Amino acid sequence: MRKPKPKAPMFPPQKAPWDPAVLSHPLSGPTEALLFASDRPLSAEDIQRIFANADIRASLEQIQGALNEMHRLYSDSSRGMHLIEVAGGFQFRSNQQYTKLIRKLFQFRPPRLSTAALECLSTVAYRQPVTRSEIDAIRGVDSGGVLRSLIERRLIIVVGRHNAPGRPYLYGTSPEFLEFFGLNNLTELPNMAGMLTPEQGEADPNAASDYILAQATEDEPLPEDFMPEPVETPELQDGSSDEPVDEGPSA
């Protein structure tokens, strides 16, 4: 009985000489592996800490050199993914020109925010730290339910309490907000000077929410598990659960 002929390898050996300049930095390989496996952005300090746990000695300058090399490698428009700086760290993101293709792979719709959520989120982003009563005054409607929804999605967080009667909560954006919109920090938000109403000279929340909506629809689709479990609400000193909304001034 004749033995079957072995199949040719799917990826034949590279005939042309490999260019060592593609990944010449000794830390590029392990750094690339960490970034590829991580489900969140990693800073140079994060990578250094992981290296130390694996008995790999590396300075922040060496790690930054590896990151710079990979950024050059993955910046080509023909690449399927890019290395970007987001939420204070580095993360691989798929090339946006393949967004429709990736949606076919996962068969899901990217998470969307309602108009009310966009208004509330843009108000927090540009006015933080801000109380619920201030958000209500800007929007002209009650924002309690919308705030709870945004907190459950971890796009905004409670950052403290206002030093005023009733000690209302102060709200701000979260690291997940930066990651969601592909921002490295809040300074990358457009200048509010371009969003002023000519009559009042004040920031127009509709213009801000339009910008956030544009960013959300232009970004690549996010995995379904991006929305984590709701965060626990803060606890009062007496142990009772406190809702993440302002209580208002005490009587």
C-alpha atoms as a PDB file:
ATOM      1  CA  MET A   1       0.000   0.000   0.000  1.00  0.00           C
ATOM      2  CA  ARG A   2       1.447   3.311  -1.096  1.00  0.00           C
ATOM      3  CA  LYS A   3       1.913   5.930   1.577  1.00  0.00           C
ATOM      4  CA  PRO A   4       0.126   9.253   1.001  1.00  0.00           C
ATOM      5  CA  LYS A   5       2.327  11.986  -0.288  1.00  0.00           C
ATOM      6  CA  PRO A   6       3.038  14.536   2.456  1.00  0.00           C
ATOM      7  CA  LYS A   7       1.361  17.870   1.979  1.00  0.00           C
ATOM      8  CA  ALA A   8       3.472  20.879   1.242  1.00  0.00           C
ATOM      9  CA  PRO A   9       3.690  23.345   4.153  1.00  0.00           C
ATOM     10  CA  MET A  10       1.120  26.118   4.034  1.00  0.00           C
ATOM     11  CA  PHE A  11       3.825  28.669   4.800  1.00  0.00           C
ATOM     12  CA  PRO A  12       6.952  27.689   2.850  1.00  0.00           C
ATOM     13  CA  PRO A  13      10.363  28.719   4.190  1.00  0.00           C
ATOM     14  CA  GLN A  14      11.303  32.328   3.533  1.00  0.00           C
ATOM     15  CA  LYS A  15      13.557  32.406   0.491  1.00  0.00           C
ATOM     16  CA  ALA A  16      14.478  36.065   0.607  1.00  0.00           C
ATOM     17  CA  PRO A  17      16.832  37.086   3.425  1.00  0.00           C
ATOM     18  CA  TRP A  18      14.947  38.332   6.473  1.00  0.00           C
ATOM     19  CA  ASP A  19      15.524  41.979   7.214  1.00  0.00           C
ATOM     20  CA  PRO A  20      16.801  42.126  10.812  1.00  0.00           C
ATOM     21  CA  ALA A  21      15.760  45.776  11.020  1.00  0.00           C
ATOM     22  CA  VAL A  22      12.071  44.758  11.069  1.00  0.00           C
ATOM     23  CA  LEU A  23      12.295  43.675  14.725  1.00  0.00           C
ATOM     24  CA  SER A  24      15.863  44.332  15.708  1.00  0.00           C
ATOM     25  CA  HIS A  25      15.279  45.481  19.285  1.00  0.00           C
ATOM     26  CA  PRO A  26      15.805  42.578  21.717  1.00  0.00           C
ATOM     27  CA  LEU A  27      12.688  43.538  23.694  1.00  0.00           C
ATOM     28  CA  SER A  28      10.362  43.941  20.710  1.00  0.00           C
ATOM     29  CA  GLY A  29       9.381  40.276  20.617  1.00  0.00           C
ATOM     30  CA  PRO A  30       8.359  39.861  24.276  1.00  0.00           C
ATOM     31  CA  THR A  31       6.747  43.308  24.325  1.00  0.00           C
ATOM     32  CA  GLU A  32       4.744  42.466  21.226  1.00  0.00           C
ATOM     33  CA  ALA A  33       3.596  39.200  22.832  1.00  0.00           C
ATOM     34  CA  LEU A  34       2.397  40.993  25.973  1.00  0.00           C
ATOM     35  CA  LEU A  35       0.481  43.636  24.040  1.00  0.00           C
ATOM     36  CA  PHE A  36      -1.117  41.033  21.804  1.00  0.00           C
ATOM     37  CA  ALA A  37      -2.266  38.900  24.751  1.00  0.00           C
ATOM     38  CA  SER A  38      -3.468  41.760  26.951  1.00  0.00           C
ATOM     39  CA  ASP A  39      -7.140  42.747  27.015  1.00  0.00           C
ATOM     40  CA  ARG A  40      -6.294  46.293  28.115  1.00  0.00           C
ATOM     41  CA  PRO A  41      -3.728  48.959  27.218  1.00  0.00           C
ATOM     42  CA  LEU A  42      -0.326  48.458  28.848  1.00  0.00           C
ATOM     43  CA  SER A  43       1.991  51.316  29.778  1.00  0.00           C
ATOM     44  CA  ALA A  44       5.774  51.083  29.704  1.00  0.00           C
ATOM     45  CA  GLU A  45       5.659  50.806  33.498  1.00  0.00           C
ATOM     46  CA  ASP A  46       3.199  47.892  33.261  1.00  0.00           C
ATOM     47  CA  ILE A  47       5.481  46.081  30.830  1.00  0.00           C
ATOM     48  CA  GLN A  48       8.526  46.722  33.008  1.00  0.00           C
ATOM     49  CA  ARG A  49       6.702  45.290  36.041  1.00  0.00           C
ATOM     50  CA  ILE A  50       5.705  42.150  34.121  1.00  0.00           C
ATOM     51  CA  PHE A  51       9.266  41.749  32.849  1.00  0.00           C
ATOM     52  CA  ALA A  52      10.586  42.041  36.410  1.00  0.00           C
ATOM     53  CA  ASN A  53       8.241  39.259  37.540  1.00  0.00           C
ATOM     54  CA  ALA A  54       9.700  37.122  34.747  1.00  0.00           C
ATOM     55  CA  ASP A  55      13.289  37.991  35.745  1.00  0.00           C
ATOM     56  CA  ILE A  56      13.799  40.147  32.651  1.00  0.00           C
ATOM     57  CA  ARG A  57      15.738  43.302  33.454  1.00  0.00           C
ATOM     58  CA  ALA A  58      14.757  46.221  31.279  1.00  0.00           C
ATOM     59  CA  SER A  59      14.783  49.976  31.720  1.00  0.00           C
ATOM     60  CA  LEU A  60      11.892  52.197  30.716  1.00  0.00           C
ATOM     61  CA  GLU A  61      14.087  53.663  27.974  1.00  0.00           C
ATOM     62  CA  GLN A  62      14.697  50.186  26.529  1.00  0.00           C
ATOM     63  CA  ILE A  63      10.996  49.335  26.621  1.00  0.00           C
ATOM     64  CA  GLN A  64      10.119  52.652  24.984  1.00  0.00           C
ATOM     65  CA  GLY A  65      12.657  51.869  22.277  1.00  0.00           C
ATOM     66  CA  ALA A  66      10.905  48.555  21.588  1.00  0.00           C
ATOM     67  CA  LEU A  67       7.535  50.303  21.521  1.00  0.00           C
ATOM     68  CA  ASN A  68       8.820  52.905  19.083  1.00  0.00           C
ATOM     69  CA  GLU A  69      10.137  50.183  16.794  1.00  0.00           C
ATOM     70  CA  MET A  70       6.825  48.307  16.823  1.00  0.00           C
ATOM     71  CA  HIS A  71       4.909  51.524  16.238  1.00  0.00           C
ATOM     72  CA  ARG A  72       6.938  52.114  13.069  1.00  0.00           C
ATOM     73  CA  LEU A  73       6.427  48.516  11.996  1.00  0.00           C
ATOM     74  CA  TYR A  74       2.646  48.583  12.464  1.00  0.00           C
ATOM     75  CA  SER A  75       2.039  52.128  11.210  1.00  0.00           C
ATOM     76  CA  ASP A  76       1.935  51.017   7.573  1.00  0.00           C
ATOM     77  CA  SER A  77      -1.582  51.369   6.147  1.00  0.00           C
ATOM     78  CA  SER A  78      -1.415  47.856   4.673  1.00  0.00           C
ATOM     79  CA  ARG A  79      -1.197  46.306   8.147  1.00  0.00           C
ATOM     80  CA  GLY A  80      -4.254  44.599   9.596  1.00  0.00           C
ATOM     81  CA  MET A  81      -3.637  46.161  12.986  1.00  0.00           C
ATOM     82  CA  HIS A  82      -1.870  49.182  14.403  1.00  0.00           C
ATOM     83  CA  LEU A  83      -0.156  49.878  17.699  1.00  0.00           C
ATOM     84  CA  ILE A  84      -1.763  52.973  19.200  1.00  0.00           C
ATOM     85  CA  GLU A  85      -1.338  54.955  22.395  1.00  0.00           C
ATOM     86  CA  VAL A  86      -4.630  54.974  24.273  1.00  0.00           C
ATOM     87  CA  ALA A  87      -5.784  55.535  27.874  1.00  0.00           C
ATOM     88  CA  GLY A  88      -2.215  56.085  29.078  1.00  0.00           C
ATOM     89  CA  GLY A  89      -0.904  52.845  27.565  1.00  0.00           C
ATOM     90  CA  PHE A  90      -0.351  50.972  24.312  1.00  0.00           C
ATOM     91  CA  GLN A  91      -2.709  48.558  22.602  1.00  0.00           C
ATOM     92  CA  PHE A  92      -3.111  46.759  19.298  1.00  0.00           C
ATOM     93  CA  ARG A  93      -6.214  47.901  17.426  1.00  0.00           C
ATOM     94  CA  SER A  94      -7.461  46.552  14.108  1.00  0.00           C
ATOM     95  CA  ASN A  95      -7.122  48.750  11.044  1.00  0.00           C
ATOM     96  CA  GLN A  96     -10.345  50.753  10.702  1.00  0.00           C
ATOM     97  CA  GLN A  97     -10.584  50.014   6.992  1.00  0.00           C
ATOM     98  CA  TYR A  98     -11.417  46.413   7.947  1.00  0.00           C
ATOM     99  CA  THR A  99     -14.239  47.318  10.351  1.00  0.00           C
ATOM    100  CA  LYS A 100     -17.003  45.794   8.204  1.00  0.00           C
ATOM    101  CA  LEU A 101     -14.992  42.606   7.775  1.00  0.00           C
ATOM    102  CA  ILE A 102     -14.518  42.213  11.533  1.00  0.00           C
ATOM    103  CA  ARG A 103     -18.220  42.753  12.132  1.00  0.00           C
ATOM    104  CA  LYS A 104     -18.890  39.777   9.858  1.00  0.00           C
ATOM    105  CA  LEU A 105     -16.548  37.687  12.015  1.00  0.00           C
ATOM    106  CA  PHE A 106     -18.258  38.434  15.323  1.00  0.00           C
ATOM    107  CA  GLN A 107     -21.793  39.001  13.988  1.00  0.00           C
ATOM    108  CA  PHE A 108     -22.722  41.730  16.438  1.00  0.00           C
ATOM    109  CA  ARG A 109     -23.540  45.389  16.405  1.00  0.00           C
ATOM    110  CA  PRO A 110     -21.188  47.797  18.139  1.00  0.00           C
ATOM    111  CA  PRO A 111     -22.536  49.198  21.407  1.00  0.00           C
ATOM    112  CA  ARG A 112     -24.502  52.374  20.928  1.00  0.00           C
ATOM    113  CA  LEU A 113     -25.409  55.210  23.259  1.00  0.00           C
ATOM    114  CA  SER A 114     -28.720  57.024  23.317  1.00  0.00           C
ATOM    115  CA  THR A 115     -28.940  60.754  22.618  1.00  0.00           C
ATOM    116  CA  ALA A 116     -29.539  61.398  26.318  1.00  0.00           C
ATOM    117  CA  ALA A 117     -26.476  59.321  27.251  1.00  0.00           C
ATOM    118  CA  LEU A 118     -24.330  61.202  24.727  1.00  0.00           C
ATOM    119  CA  GLU A 119     -25.480  64.558  26.108  1.00  0.00           C
ATOM    120  CA  CYS A 120     -24.792  63.478  29.672  1.00  0.00           C
ATOM    121  CA  LEU A 121     -21.435  61.914  28.794  1.00  0.00           C
ATOM    122  CA  SER A 122     -20.243  64.979  26.888  1.00  0.00           C
ATOM    123  CA  THR A 123     -21.269  67.227  29.782  1.00  0.00           C
ATOM    124  CA  VAL A 124     -19.267  65.124  32.239  1.00  0.00           C
ATOM    125  CA  ALA A 125     -16.293  64.922  29.870  1.00  0.00           C
ATOM    126  CA  TYR A 126     -16.006  68.698  29.466  1.00  0.00           C
ATOM    127  CA  ARG A 127     -17.155  69.902  32.886  1.00  0.00           C
ATOM    128  CA  GLN A 128     -15.680  67.280  35.231  1.00  0.00           C
ATOM    129  CA  PRO A 129     -15.714  67.046  38.143  1.00  0.00           C
ATOM    130  CA  VAL A 130     -19.412  67.854  37.986  1.00  0.00           C
ATOM    131  CA  THR A 131     -22.474  67.131  40.147  1.00  0.00           C
ATOM    132  CA  ARG A 132     -25.769  65.714  38.981  1.00  0.00           C
ATOM    133  CA  SER A 133     -27.573  69.003  39.664  1.00  0.00           C
ATOM    134  CA  GLU A 134     -25.103  70.804  37.388  1.00  0.00           C
ATOM    135  CA  ILE A 135     -25.665  68.200  34.663  1.00  0.00           C
ATOM    136  CA  ASP A 136     -29.439  68.584  35.066  1.00  0.00           C
ATOM    137  CA  ALA A 137     -29.134  72.369  34.774  1.00  0.00           C
ATOM    138  CA  ILE A 138     -27.129  72.110  31.547  1.00  0.00           C
ATOM    139  CA  ARG A 139     -29.399  69.487  29.956  1.00  0.00           C
ATOM    140  CA  GLY A 140     -32.649  70.875  31.338  1.00  0.00           C
ATOM    141  CA  VAL A 141     -33.928  67.433  32.371  1.00  0.00           C
ATOM    142  CA  ASP A 142     -33.369  64.881  35.125  1.00  0.00           C
ATOM    143  CA  SER A 143     -30.212  62.838  34.487  1.00  0.00           C
ATOM    144  CA  GLY A 144     -30.339  60.277  37.301  1.00  0.00           C
ATOM    145  CA  GLY A 145     -31.229  57.264  35.176  1.00  0.00           C
ATOM    146  CA  VAL A 146     -28.741  58.166  32.450  1.00  0.00           C
ATOM    147  CA  LEU A 147     -25.965  58.587  35.016  1.00  0.00           C
ATOM    148  CA  ARG A 148     -26.658  55.134  36.459  1.00  0.00           C
ATOM    149  CA  SER A 149     -26.482  53.635  32.967  1.00  0.00           C
ATOM    150  CA  LEU A 150     -23.157  55.319  32.193  1.00  0.00           C
ATOM    151  CA  ILE A 151     -21.731  54.189  35.535  1.00  0.00           C
ATOM    152  CA  GLU A 152     -22.811  50.601  34.843  1.00  0.00           C
ATOM    153  CA  ARG A 153     -20.978  50.822  31.533  1.00  0.00           C
ATOM    154  CA  ARG A 154     -17.982  52.268  33.395  1.00  0.00           C
ATOM    155  CA  LEU A 155     -17.752  55.259  31.096  1.00  0.00           C
ATOM    156  CA  ILE A 156     -18.072  57.625  34.062  1.00  0.00           C
ATOM    157  CA  ILE A 157     -17.174  57.146  37.713  1.00  0.00           C
ATOM    158  CA  VAL A 158     -17.713  58.836  41.055  1.00  0.00           C
ATOM    159  CA  VAL A 159     -14.553  60.831  41.756  1.00  0.00           C
ATOM    160  CA  GLY A 160     -15.497  62.390  45.084  1.00  0.00           C
ATOM    161  CA  ARG A 161     -18.034  64.561  46.867  1.00  0.00           C
ATOM    162  CA  HIS A 162     -18.671  68.264  46.461  1.00  0.00           C
ATOM    163  CA  ASN A 163     -17.969  70.401  49.528  1.00  0.00           C
ATOM    164  CA  ALA A 164     -21.523  71.720  49.687  1.00  0.00           C
ATOM    165  CA  PRO A 165     -24.682  71.014  51.685  1.00  0.00           C
ATOM    166  CA  GLY A 166     -25.734  67.415  51.155  1.00  0.00           C
ATOM    167  CA  ARG A 167     -22.233  66.476  49.940  1.00  0.00           C
ATOM    168  CA  PRO A 168     -23.404  65.569  46.393  1.00  0.00           C
ATOM    169  CA  TYR A 169     -21.331  63.192  44.309  1.00  0.00           C
ATOM    170  CA  LEU A 170     -18.813  64.498  41.792  1.00  0.00           C
ATOM    171  CA  TYR A 171     -18.628  62.648  38.471  1.00  0.00           C
ATOM    172  CA  GLY A 172     -15.773  62.287  36.001  1.00  0.00           C
ATOM    173  CA  THR A 173     -14.804  60.129  33.048  1.00  0.00           C
ATOM    174  CA  SER A 174     -13.094  56.763  33.547  1.00  0.00           C
ATOM    175  CA  PRO A 175     -10.072  55.088  31.912  1.00  0.00           C
ATOM    176  CA  GLU A 176     -12.621  53.004  29.985  1.00  0.00           C
ATOM    177  CA  PHE A 177     -13.982  56.255  28.512  1.00  0.00           C
ATOM    178  CA  LEU A 178     -10.558  57.002  27.054  1.00  0.00           C
ATOM    179  CA  GLU A 179     -10.226  53.451  25.752  1.00  0.00           C
ATOM    180  CA  PHE A 180     -13.730  53.482  24.248  1.00  0.00           C
ATOM    181  CA  PHE A 181     -13.074  56.644  22.243  1.00  0.00           C
ATOM    182  CA  GLY A 182      -9.422  55.931  21.428  1.00  0.00           C
ATOM    183  CA  LEU A 183      -8.033  58.831  23.459  1.00  0.00           C
ATOM    184  CA  ASN A 184      -4.725  58.804  25.297  1.00  0.00           C
ATOM    185  CA  ASN A 185      -5.846  61.514  27.722  1.00  0.00           C
ATOM    186  CA  LEU A 186      -8.526  64.191  28.068  1.00  0.00           C
ATOM    187  CA  THR A 187      -6.353  66.849  26.435  1.00  0.00           C
ATOM    188  CA  GLU A 188      -7.052  65.114  23.118  1.00  0.00           C
ATOM    189  CA  LEU A 189     -10.698  66.158  23.287  1.00  0.00           C
ATOM    190  CA  PRO A 190     -11.336  69.107  20.921  1.00  0.00           C
ATOM    191  CA  ASN A 191     -11.102  72.580  22.398  1.00  0.00           C
ATOM    192  CA  MET A 192     -14.418  73.720  23.824  1.00  0.00           C
ATOM    193  CA  ALA A 193     -13.745  77.171  22.370  1.00  0.00           C
ATOM    194  CA  GLY A 194     -15.009  75.802  19.069  1.00  0.00           C
ATOM    195  CA  MET A 195     -18.256  74.689  20.703  1.00  0.00           C
ATOM    196  CA  LEU A 196     -19.515  77.988  22.100  1.00  0.00           C
ATOM    197  CA  THR A 197     -22.979  79.299  21.425  1.00  0.00           C
ATOM    198  CA  PRO A 198     -22.695  82.796  19.912  1.00  0.00           C
ATOM    199  CA  GLU A 199     -25.567  84.121  22.041  1.00  0.00           C
ATOM    200  CA  GLN A 200     -24.342  83.049  25.474  1.00  0.00           C
ATOM    201  CA  GLY A 201     -20.658  82.403  24.912  1.00  0.00           C
ATOM    202  CA  GLU A 202     -21.116  79.082  26.694  1.00  0.00           C
ATOM    203  CA  ALA A 203     -20.271  75.563  25.652  1.00  0.00           C
ATOM    204  CA  ASP A 204     -22.929  73.926  23.516  1.00  0.00           C
ATOM    205  CA  PRO A 205     -23.591  70.410  24.889  1.00  0.00           C
ATOM    206  CA  ASN A 206     -25.166  69.384  21.581  1.00  0.00           C
ATOM    207  CA  ALA A 207     -21.947  70.161  19.710  1.00  0.00           C
ATOM    208  CA  ALA A 208     -19.935  68.200  22.265  1.00  0.00           C
ATOM    209  CA  SER A 209     -22.274  65.219  22.054  1.00  0.00           C
ATOM    210  CA  ASP A 210     -22.123  65.375  18.237  1.00  0.00           C
ATOM    211  CA  TYR A 211     -18.340  65.040  18.458  1.00  0.00           C
ATOM    212  CA  ILE A 212     -18.556  62.092  20.842  1.00  0.00           C
ATOM    213  CA  LEU A 213     -21.168  60.452  18.612  1.00  0.00           C
ATOM    214  CA  ALA A 214     -18.870  60.846  15.596  1.00  0.00           C
ATOM    215  CA  GLN A 215     -15.983  59.270  17.486  1.00  0.00           C
ATOM    216  CA  ALA A 216     -18.139  56.362  18.621  1.00  0.00           C
ATOM    217  CA  THR A 217     -19.393  55.575  15.116  1.00  0.00           C
ATOM    218  CA  GLU A 218     -15.963  55.891  13.506  1.00  0.00           C
ATOM    219  CA  ASP A 219     -14.232  53.563  15.922  1.00  0.00           C
ATOM    220  CA  GLU A 220     -13.873  49.863  15.189  1.00  0.00           C
ATOM    221  CA  PRO A 221     -16.531  47.569  16.684  1.00  0.00           C
ATOM    222  CA  LEU A 222     -15.884  46.553  20.243  1.00  0.00           C
ATOM    223  CA  PRO A 223     -16.276  43.038  21.637  1.00  0.00           C
ATOM    224  CA  GLU A 224     -19.596  42.240  23.258  1.00  0.00           C
ATOM    225  CA  ASP A 225     -17.965  41.798  26.645  1.00  0.00           C
ATOM    226  CA  PHE A 226     -16.687  45.395  26.628  1.00  0.00           C
ATOM    227  CA  MET A 227     -19.599  46.317  28.877  1.00  0.00           C
ATOM    228  CA  PRO A 228     -18.555  44.728  32.193  1.00  0.00           C
ATOM    229  CA  GLU A 229     -20.688  43.884  35.185  1.00  0.00           C
ATOM    230  CA  PRO A 230     -22.190  46.945  36.922  1.00  0.00           C
ATOM    231  CA  VAL A 231     -19.902  48.498  39.475  1.00  0.00           C
ATOM    232  CA  GLU A 232     -20.878  48.429  43.116  1.00  0.00           C
ATOM    233  CA  THR A 233     -22.402  51.654  44.376  1.00  0.00           C
ATOM    234  CA  PRO A 234     -20.596  53.459  47.180  1.00  0.00           C
ATOM    235  CA  GLU A 235     -21.495  52.645  50.755  1.00  0.00           C
ATOM    236  CA  LEU A 236     -22.550  55.231  53.294  1.00  0.00           C
ATOM    237  CA  GLN A 237     -20.987  55.267  56.710  1.00  0.00           C
ATOM    238  CA  ASP A 238     -24.086  53.582  58.159  1.00  0.00           C
ATOM    239  CA  GLY A 239     -23.616  50.693  55.708  1.00  0.00           C
ATOM    240  CA  SER A 240     -26.636  51.432  53.520  1.00  0.00           C
ATOM    241  CA  SER A 241     -26.283  51.375  49.746  1.00  0.00           C
ATOM    242  CA  ASP A 242     -26.098  54.825  48.193  1.00  0.00           C
ATOM    243  CA  GLU A 243     -27.346  55.498  44.689  1.00  0.00           C
ATOM    244  CA  PRO A 244     -24.824  57.252  42.386  1.00  0.00           C
ATOM    245  CA  VAL A 245     -26.905  60.424  42.170  1.00  0.00           C
ATOM    246  CA  ASP A 246     -27.062  63.638  44.152  1.00  0.00           C
ATOM    247  CA  GLU A 247     -29.170  63.633  47.249  1.00  0.00           C
ATOM    248  CA  GLY A 248     -29.483  67.413  47.185  1.00  0.00           C
ATOM    249  CA  PRO A 249     -29.100  69.700  50.172  1.00  0.00           C
ATOM    250  CA  SER A 250     -30.170  68.182  53.431  1.00  0.00           C
ATOM    251  CA  ALA A 251     -33.154  69.755  55.189  1.00  0.00           C
END
